[in-house]
């Protein structure tokens, strides 16, 4: 199996996992301590859920010929898709009777996406220099 197909499968499994975590009934999810490292645990979970989005997306959909123009285009699309997914999950949670939407959750999602995007650009830069 090619690396690209493996990356696409991994990205799809990741999306399915995030969807489950965002839409499952709270009683079906593991109970967490309220505070981790002095921060609300659910915000850390939101950050961690969206952190890998840019890297996994890039590995699945990276351009065959790597130029900075193409990398910027792919990363811009991935960041926009990640932000849209974060907004969409919060909007859908607002419509579920057993979940609630929270602007703090959305902020944690977006911070995770942008940190993941920065880490992905660093990864691409290091890989290009090697």
Protein backbone atom coordinates (compact mmCIF):
# COMPACT_ATOMS: atom_id res chain seq x y z
CA UNK A 1 0.00 0.00 0.00
CA UNK A 2 1.39 3.41 -0.90
CA UNK A 3 2.27 6.03 1.68
CA UNK A 4 -0.37 8.39 0.27
CA UNK A 5 -3.16 5.80 0.61
CA UNK A 6 -2.03 5.01 4.15
CA UNK A 7 -2.05 8.74 4.96
CA UNK A 8 -5.56 9.17 3.52
CA UNK A 9 -6.84 6.21 5.56
CA UNK A 10 -5.19 7.60 8.70
CA UNK A 11 -6.72 11.05 8.06
CA UNK A 12 -10.19 9.50 7.60
CA UNK A 13 -9.82 7.51 10.85
CA UNK A 14 -8.74 10.68 12.61
CA UNK A 15 -11.80 12.59 11.29
CA UNK A 16 -14.08 9.73 12.42
CA UNK A 17 -12.52 9.79 15.90
CA UNK A 18 -12.93 13.56 16.23
CA UNK A 19 -16.55 13.27 15.06
CA UNK A 20 -17.22 10.59 17.68
CA UNK A 21 -15.64 12.68 20.44
CA UNK A 22 -17.61 15.77 19.38
CA UNK A 23 -21.02 14.12 19.01
CA UNK A 24 -21.10 11.19 21.43
CA UNK A 25 -23.30 11.45 24.48
CA UNK A 26 -21.23 12.69 27.44
CA UNK A 27 -21.96 9.55 29.46
CA UNK A 28 -20.37 7.46 26.66
CA UNK A 29 -17.07 9.35 26.97
CA UNK A 30 -14.37 8.81 29.61
CA UNK A 31 -14.68 11.09 32.61
CA UNK A 32 -11.78 13.52 32.92
CA UNK A 33 -10.43 15.53 35.80
CA UNK A 34 -11.75 19.10 35.67
CA UNK A 35 -8.29 20.73 35.55
CA UNK A 36 -5.06 19.69 33.78
CA UNK A 37 -1.93 21.75 34.17
CA UNK A 38 -4.03 24.56 35.64
CA UNK A 39 -6.33 24.70 32.59
CA UNK A 40 -9.83 23.32 32.03
CA UNK A 41 -9.34 19.74 30.84
CA UNK A 42 -11.99 19.95 28.13
CA UNK A 43 -10.17 22.90 26.50
CA UNK A 44 -6.94 20.88 26.43
CA UNK A 45 -8.87 18.00 24.85
CA UNK A 46 -10.29 20.35 22.20
CA UNK A 47 -6.80 21.71 21.48
CA UNK A 48 -5.37 18.18 21.18
CA UNK A 49 -8.23 16.96 18.98
CA UNK A 50 -7.58 19.62 16.33
CA UNK A 51 -3.76 19.86 16.64
CA UNK A 52 -3.04 16.98 14.20
CA UNK A 53 -5.55 18.15 11.57
CA UNK A 54 -3.08 20.17 9.42
CA UNK A 55 -0.28 17.57 9.51
CA UNK A 56 -2.49 14.57 8.81
CA UNK A 57 -4.29 16.53 6.10
CA UNK A 58 -0.99 17.60 4.54
CA UNK A 59 0.35 14.05 4.54
CA UNK A 60 -2.86 12.85 2.88
CA UNK A 61 -3.16 15.64 0.30
CA UNK A 62 0.36 17.02 -0.13
CA UNK A 63 1.29 18.18 -3.62
CA UNK A 64 3.34 15.73 -5.67
CA UNK A 65 5.78 18.50 -6.61
CA UNK A 66 6.68 20.46 -3.52
CA UNK A 67 7.10 24.17 -4.15
CA UNK A 68 6.40 26.84 -1.57
CA UNK A 69 3.50 28.14 -3.65
CA UNK A 70 1.82 24.74 -3.62
CA UNK A 71 2.60 24.19 0.05
CA UNK A 72 1.03 27.55 0.93
CA UNK A 73 -2.04 26.72 -1.15
CA UNK A 74 -2.49 23.27 0.44
CA UNK A 75 -1.89 24.62 3.96
CA UNK A 76 -4.34 27.49 3.39
CA UNK A 77 -7.00 25.04 2.26
CA UNK A 78 -6.30 22.75 5.22
CA UNK A 79 -6.43 25.59 7.75
CA UNK A 80 -9.71 26.84 6.22
CA UNK A 81 -11.11 23.28 6.28
CA UNK A 82 -10.02 22.80 9.89
CA UNK A 83 -11.56 26.09 11.00
CA UNK A 84 -14.75 25.20 9.10
CA UNK A 85 -14.83 21.79 10.78
CA UNK A 86 -14.37 23.39 14.20
CA UNK A 87 -17.17 25.89 13.56
CA UNK A 88 -19.36 23.13 12.14
CA UNK A 89 -18.89 20.82 15.11
CA UNK A 90 -19.77 23.58 17.57
CA UNK A 91 -22.81 24.57 15.51
CA UNK A 92 -23.99 20.94 15.34
CA UNK A 93 -23.43 20.48 19.07
CA UNK A 94 -25.72 23.46 19.67
CA UNK A 95 -28.49 21.56 17.87
CA UNK A 96 -28.06 18.38 19.94
CA UNK A 97 -30.11 18.14 23.12
CA UNK A 98 -27.35 16.33 24.99
CA UNK A 99 -24.43 18.62 23.97
CA UNK A 100 -23.76 22.34 24.18
CA UNK A 101 -21.73 24.67 22.01
CA UNK A 102 -19.10 26.85 23.62
CA UNK A 103 -17.07 29.69 22.17
CA UNK A 104 -14.15 28.66 24.43
CA UNK A 105 -14.19 25.22 22.83
CA UNK A 106 -14.09 26.81 19.38
CA UNK A 107 -11.16 28.98 20.44
CA UNK A 108 -9.27 25.93 21.75
CA UNK A 109 -10.01 24.10 18.46
CA UNK A 110 -8.66 27.00 16.41
CA UNK A 111 -5.54 27.39 18.55
CA UNK A 112 -4.91 23.67 18.00
CA UNK A 113 -5.38 24.04 14.24
CA UNK A 114 -3.04 27.03 13.97
CA UNK A 115 -0.38 25.43 16.20
CA UNK A 116 -0.68 22.26 14.12
CA UNK A 117 -0.34 24.34 10.96
CA UNK A 118 2.82 26.02 12.29
CA UNK A 119 4.27 22.63 13.26
CA UNK A 120 3.43 21.27 9.81
CA UNK A 121 5.20 24.17 8.06
CA UNK A 122 8.21 23.54 10.33
CA UNK A 123 8.10 19.84 9.38
CA UNK A 124 7.92 20.69 5.66
CA UNK A 125 10.81 23.15 5.99
CA UNK A 126 13.00 20.61 7.79
CA UNK A 127 12.09 17.90 5.26
CA UNK A 128 12.91 20.23 2.34
CA UNK A 129 16.32 21.05 3.81
CA UNK A 130 17.20 17.38 4.34
